[in-house]
């Protein structure tokens, strides 16, 4: 099965975090914002050039750079 990255998910889709890659500073920053394994993320929209990506996590709207979203492996749940 192909690994799906958050950066590849279309707006309007809800996904669940399976894995977070990247350096320790990025992982720490994402964890502080509520991105933990098993958490549901709803992709709200992408900018015209796909950067940034706006998502809803734990009731908060957060914009992520495309490079950050590429480090989050997800699975589609809705």
C-alpha atoms as a PDB file:
ATOM      1  CA  UNK A   1       0.000   0.000   0.000  1.00  0.00           C
ATOM      2  CA  UNK A   2       1.301   3.454  -0.970  1.00  0.00           C
ATOM      3  CA  UNK A   3       2.221   5.779   1.857  1.00  0.00           C
ATOM      4  CA  UNK A   4      -0.046   8.827   1.811  1.00  0.00           C
ATOM      5  CA  UNK A   5       1.356  12.158   2.976  1.00  0.00           C
ATOM      6  CA  UNK A   6      -0.762  14.991   4.372  1.00  0.00           C
ATOM      7  CA  UNK A   7       0.507  17.206   1.536  1.00  0.00           C
ATOM      8  CA  UNK A   8      -1.220  14.885  -0.983  1.00  0.00           C
ATOM      9  CA  UNK A   9      -4.676  14.897   0.652  1.00  0.00           C
ATOM     10  CA  UNK A  10      -7.476  16.836  -1.065  1.00  0.00           C
ATOM     11  CA  UNK A  11      -9.464  19.517   0.792  1.00  0.00           C
ATOM     12  CA  UNK A  12     -12.607  18.220   2.494  1.00  0.00           C
ATOM     13  CA  UNK A  13     -10.969  14.925   3.482  1.00  0.00           C
ATOM     14  CA  UNK A  14     -10.502  13.662   7.041  1.00  0.00           C
ATOM     15  CA  UNK A  15      -7.418  11.576   7.782  1.00  0.00           C
ATOM     16  CA  UNK A  16      -5.719   9.963  10.769  1.00  0.00           C
ATOM     17  CA  UNK A  17      -2.018  10.428  11.558  1.00  0.00           C
ATOM     18  CA  UNK A  18      -0.018   7.203  11.221  1.00  0.00           C
ATOM     19  CA  UNK A  19       3.567   8.484  11.453  1.00  0.00           C
ATOM     20  CA  UNK A  20       5.547  11.719  11.727  1.00  0.00           C
ATOM     21  CA  UNK A  21       8.948  11.925  10.022  1.00  0.00           C
ATOM     22  CA  UNK A  22      11.524  14.697   9.920  1.00  0.00           C
ATOM     23  CA  UNK A  23      14.130  16.092  12.265  1.00  0.00           C
ATOM     24  CA  UNK A  24      13.620  16.286  16.023  1.00  0.00           C
ATOM     25  CA  UNK A  25      12.838  20.028  15.981  1.00  0.00           C
ATOM     26  CA  UNK A  26      10.047  19.566  13.437  1.00  0.00           C
ATOM     27  CA  UNK A  27       8.601  16.599  15.326  1.00  0.00           C
ATOM     28  CA  UNK A  28       8.626  18.585  18.579  1.00  0.00           C
ATOM     29  CA  UNK A  29       6.943  21.575  16.933  1.00  0.00           C
ATOM     30  CA  UNK A  30       4.216  19.385  15.385  1.00  0.00           C
ATOM     31  CA  UNK A  31       3.615  17.590  18.693  1.00  0.00           C
ATOM     32  CA  UNK A  32       3.234  20.940  20.469  1.00  0.00           C
ATOM     33  CA  UNK A  33       0.564  21.915  17.926  1.00  0.00           C
ATOM     34  CA  UNK A  34      -1.416  18.713  18.610  1.00  0.00           C
ATOM     35  CA  UNK A  35      -0.207  16.509  15.754  1.00  0.00           C
ATOM     36  CA  UNK A  36       0.125  13.148  17.509  1.00  0.00           C
ATOM     37  CA  UNK A  37      -0.206   9.626  16.140  1.00  0.00           C
ATOM     38  CA  UNK A  38      -3.855   8.590  15.981  1.00  0.00           C
ATOM     39  CA  UNK A  39      -5.167  12.167  15.841  1.00  0.00           C
ATOM     40  CA  UNK A  40      -7.762  13.023  13.189  1.00  0.00           C
ATOM     41  CA  UNK A  41      -7.033  15.908  10.817  1.00  0.00           C
ATOM     42  CA  UNK A  42      -9.559  17.561   8.522  1.00  0.00           C
ATOM     43  CA  UNK A  43      -7.987  19.223   5.470  1.00  0.00           C
ATOM     44  CA  UNK A  44      -9.808  22.529   4.986  1.00  0.00           C
ATOM     45  CA  UNK A  45      -8.066  24.058   1.988  1.00  0.00           C
ATOM     46  CA  UNK A  46      -4.841  24.475   0.071  1.00  0.00           C
ATOM     47  CA  UNK A  47      -3.493  27.731  -1.281  1.00  0.00           C
ATOM     48  CA  UNK A  48      -3.450  28.100  -5.089  1.00  0.00           C
ATOM     49  CA  UNK A  49       0.194  27.033  -5.235  1.00  0.00           C
ATOM     50  CA  UNK A  50      -0.504  24.304  -2.613  1.00  0.00           C
ATOM     51  CA  UNK A  51       1.500  26.100   0.060  1.00  0.00           C
ATOM     52  CA  UNK A  52       0.312  26.490   2.827  1.00  0.00           C
ATOM     53  CA  UNK A  53      -2.183  23.763   3.681  1.00  0.00           C
ATOM     54  CA  UNK A  54      -4.912  24.699   6.172  1.00  0.00           C
ATOM     55  CA  UNK A  55      -6.059  21.876   8.455  1.00  0.00           C
ATOM     56  CA  UNK A  56      -8.235  21.458  11.528  1.00  0.00           C
ATOM     57  CA  UNK A  57      -6.622  19.580  14.416  1.00  0.00           C
ATOM     58  CA  UNK A  58      -8.302  19.171  17.808  1.00  0.00           C
ATOM     59  CA  UNK A  59     -10.713  22.025  17.041  1.00  0.00           C
ATOM     60  CA  UNK A  60      -8.000  24.474  15.923  1.00  0.00           C
ATOM     61  CA  UNK A  61      -7.298  25.696  12.393  1.00  0.00           C
ATOM     62  CA  UNK A  62      -3.593  25.508  11.596  1.00  0.00           C
ATOM     63  CA  UNK A  63      -1.669  26.373   8.436  1.00  0.00           C
ATOM     64  CA  UNK A  64       1.283  24.145   7.612  1.00  0.00           C
ATOM     65  CA  UNK A  65       4.008  24.670   5.060  1.00  0.00           C
ATOM     66  CA  UNK A  66       3.995  22.050   2.314  1.00  0.00           C
ATOM     67  CA  UNK A  67       7.405  20.768   3.490  1.00  0.00           C
ATOM     68  CA  UNK A  68       5.972  20.191   6.979  1.00  0.00           C
ATOM     69  CA  UNK A  69       2.883  18.417   5.617  1.00  0.00           C
ATOM     70  CA  UNK A  70       5.140  16.091   3.599  1.00  0.00           C
ATOM     71  CA  UNK A  71       6.521  14.704   6.876  1.00  0.00           C
ATOM     72  CA  UNK A  72       3.115  13.532   8.160  1.00  0.00           C
ATOM     73  CA  UNK A  73       2.007  10.082   6.992  1.00  0.00           C
ATOM     74  CA  UNK A  74      -1.773   9.607   7.141  1.00  0.00           C
ATOM     75  CA  UNK A  75      -4.599   7.254   6.245  1.00  0.00           C
ATOM     76  CA  UNK A  76      -7.969   8.385   4.907  1.00  0.00           C
ATOM     77  CA  UNK A  77     -10.942   7.792   7.204  1.00  0.00           C
ATOM     78  CA  UNK A  78     -13.622   9.981   5.561  1.00  0.00           C
END
